[in-house]
N, C-alpha and C. Protein backbone atom coordinates (compact mmCIF):
# COMPACT_ATOMS: atom_id res chain seq x y z
N MET A 1 9.02 -23.00 3.26
CA MET A 1 8.58 -22.63 1.93
C MET A 1 7.89 -21.34 2.04
N LEU A 2 8.03 -20.46 1.12
CA LEU A 2 7.44 -19.14 1.09
C LEU A 2 6.41 -19.05 -0.01
N ARG A 3 5.30 -18.25 0.26
CA ARG A 3 4.39 -18.01 -0.86
C ARG A 3 4.82 -16.78 -1.53
N ALA A 4 4.21 -16.58 -2.75
CA ALA A 4 4.59 -15.43 -3.63
C ALA A 4 4.37 -14.16 -2.86
N SER A 5 3.24 -14.06 -2.13
CA SER A 5 3.02 -12.74 -1.37
C SER A 5 4.08 -12.49 -0.35
N GLN A 6 4.69 -13.58 0.27
CA GLN A 6 5.72 -13.33 1.23
C GLN A 6 7.02 -12.93 0.59
N VAL A 7 7.32 -13.53 -0.65
CA VAL A 7 8.43 -13.15 -1.42
C VAL A 7 8.42 -11.67 -1.85
N SER A 8 7.23 -11.32 -2.31
CA SER A 8 6.97 -9.97 -2.73
C SER A 8 7.26 -8.91 -1.55
N GLN A 9 6.84 -9.23 -0.38
CA GLN A 9 7.11 -8.37 0.71
C GLN A 9 8.61 -8.35 1.10
N LEU A 10 9.24 -9.47 0.99
CA LEU A 10 10.73 -9.52 1.34
C LEU A 10 11.56 -8.69 0.28
N LEU A 11 11.08 -8.80 -1.03
CA LEU A 11 11.89 -8.26 -2.10
C LEU A 11 11.41 -6.83 -2.35
N GLN A 12 10.25 -6.43 -1.76
CA GLN A 12 9.68 -5.12 -1.96
C GLN A 12 9.30 -4.94 -3.40
N ILE A 13 8.78 -5.96 -4.06
CA ILE A 13 8.32 -5.91 -5.42
C ILE A 13 6.84 -6.46 -5.48
N GLY A 14 6.18 -6.24 -6.57
CA GLY A 14 4.77 -6.68 -6.63
C GLY A 14 4.72 -8.19 -6.79
N ARG A 15 3.57 -8.73 -6.40
CA ARG A 15 3.37 -10.19 -6.54
C ARG A 15 3.44 -10.67 -7.96
N ASN A 16 2.85 -9.84 -8.91
CA ASN A 16 2.88 -10.25 -10.30
C ASN A 16 4.32 -10.25 -10.79
N GLN A 17 5.15 -9.31 -10.23
CA GLN A 17 6.64 -9.50 -10.75
C GLN A 17 7.26 -10.73 -10.22
N VAL A 18 6.91 -11.13 -9.03
CA VAL A 18 7.43 -12.37 -8.47
C VAL A 18 7.14 -13.54 -9.40
N TYR A 19 5.81 -13.58 -9.88
CA TYR A 19 5.36 -14.65 -10.72
C TYR A 19 6.05 -14.65 -12.08
N GLU A 20 6.27 -13.40 -12.58
CA GLU A 20 6.96 -13.22 -13.86
C GLU A 20 8.45 -13.66 -13.74
N LEU A 21 9.04 -13.32 -12.66
CA LEU A 21 10.47 -13.88 -12.46
C LEU A 21 10.52 -15.30 -12.37
N ALA A 22 9.54 -15.99 -11.70
CA ALA A 22 9.51 -17.32 -11.56
C ALA A 22 9.19 -18.02 -12.90
N ARG A 23 8.26 -17.44 -13.62
CA ARG A 23 7.95 -17.98 -14.93
C ARG A 23 9.07 -18.02 -15.90
N SER A 24 9.82 -16.85 -15.83
CA SER A 24 10.98 -16.81 -16.82
C SER A 24 12.17 -17.57 -16.36
N GLY A 25 12.10 -18.15 -15.18
CA GLY A 25 13.26 -18.99 -14.72
C GLY A 25 14.25 -18.25 -13.94
N GLN A 26 14.09 -16.96 -13.71
CA GLN A 26 15.10 -16.19 -13.05
C GLN A 26 15.07 -16.38 -11.56
N LEU A 27 13.90 -16.55 -10.97
CA LEU A 27 13.70 -16.80 -9.57
C LEU A 27 13.30 -18.31 -9.42
N PRO A 28 14.17 -19.04 -8.60
CA PRO A 28 13.84 -20.45 -8.46
C PRO A 28 12.56 -20.64 -7.63
N SER A 29 11.65 -21.60 -8.16
CA SER A 29 10.43 -21.83 -7.54
C SER A 29 10.09 -23.30 -7.62
N ILE A 30 9.04 -23.73 -6.88
CA ILE A 30 8.59 -25.09 -6.96
C ILE A 30 7.06 -25.04 -7.11
N ARG A 31 6.60 -25.75 -8.05
CA ARG A 31 5.16 -25.85 -8.25
C ARG A 31 4.55 -26.93 -7.38
N LEU A 32 3.64 -26.59 -6.48
CA LEU A 32 2.96 -27.56 -5.73
C LEU A 32 1.41 -27.52 -6.12
N GLY A 33 1.06 -28.40 -6.99
CA GLY A 33 -0.35 -28.27 -7.48
C GLY A 33 -0.58 -27.07 -8.29
N ARG A 34 -1.42 -26.26 -7.92
CA ARG A 34 -1.62 -24.99 -8.65
C ARG A 34 -0.90 -23.72 -8.12
N THR A 35 -0.12 -24.00 -7.03
CA THR A 35 0.56 -22.89 -6.36
C THR A 35 2.02 -22.99 -6.60
N LEU A 36 2.69 -21.81 -6.54
CA LEU A 36 4.12 -21.72 -6.55
C LEU A 36 4.61 -21.47 -5.09
N ARG A 37 5.74 -22.12 -4.77
CA ARG A 37 6.37 -21.95 -3.49
C ARG A 37 7.80 -21.66 -3.78
N PHE A 38 8.42 -20.94 -2.80
CA PHE A 38 9.83 -20.50 -2.98
C PHE A 38 10.57 -20.90 -1.73
N SER A 39 11.77 -21.52 -1.88
CA SER A 39 12.48 -22.00 -0.70
C SER A 39 13.28 -20.78 -0.10
N ARG A 40 13.52 -20.66 1.13
CA ARG A 40 14.24 -19.59 1.68
C ARG A 40 15.75 -19.67 1.17
N GLU A 41 16.28 -20.89 1.12
CA GLU A 41 17.69 -21.04 0.61
C GLU A 41 17.86 -20.56 -0.81
N GLY A 42 16.88 -21.00 -1.68
CA GLY A 42 16.96 -20.56 -3.10
C GLY A 42 16.79 -19.06 -3.18
N LEU A 43 15.89 -18.45 -2.47
CA LEU A 43 15.71 -16.99 -2.50
C LEU A 43 16.97 -16.32 -2.01
N SER A 44 17.52 -16.79 -0.96
CA SER A 44 18.73 -16.19 -0.38
C SER A 44 19.83 -16.22 -1.48
N THR A 45 20.03 -17.32 -2.14
CA THR A 45 21.03 -17.51 -3.24
C THR A 45 20.81 -16.57 -4.31
N TRP A 46 19.58 -16.51 -4.71
CA TRP A 46 19.12 -15.52 -5.77
C TRP A 46 19.41 -14.09 -5.43
N ILE A 47 19.21 -13.70 -4.22
CA ILE A 47 19.45 -12.32 -3.82
C ILE A 47 20.96 -12.11 -3.90
N LYS A 48 21.84 -12.97 -3.43
CA LYS A 48 23.24 -12.76 -3.49
C LYS A 48 23.72 -12.70 -4.87
N GLU A 49 23.14 -13.43 -5.78
CA GLU A 49 23.53 -13.37 -7.18
C GLU A 49 23.15 -12.06 -7.80
N GLN A 50 22.08 -11.46 -7.36
CA GLN A 50 21.61 -10.17 -7.99
C GLN A 50 22.49 -9.01 -7.42
N GLN A 51 23.17 -9.14 -6.34
CA GLN A 51 24.01 -8.10 -5.79
C GLN A 51 25.39 -8.05 -6.41
N ARG A 52 25.69 -9.04 -7.33
CA ARG A 52 26.96 -9.07 -7.98
C ARG A 52 27.03 -8.06 -9.13
């Protein structure tokens, strides 16, 4: 599981943009308590879909 800061580094976007994409349902995420986590598999799938 990845944190938002790790996802932002991988995608080269701001952390706030990661949260906004997750909040809008565009980027798959899992809420664990008060934090959001992102699966590597879900992120990989999302990246492939964005390249289409």
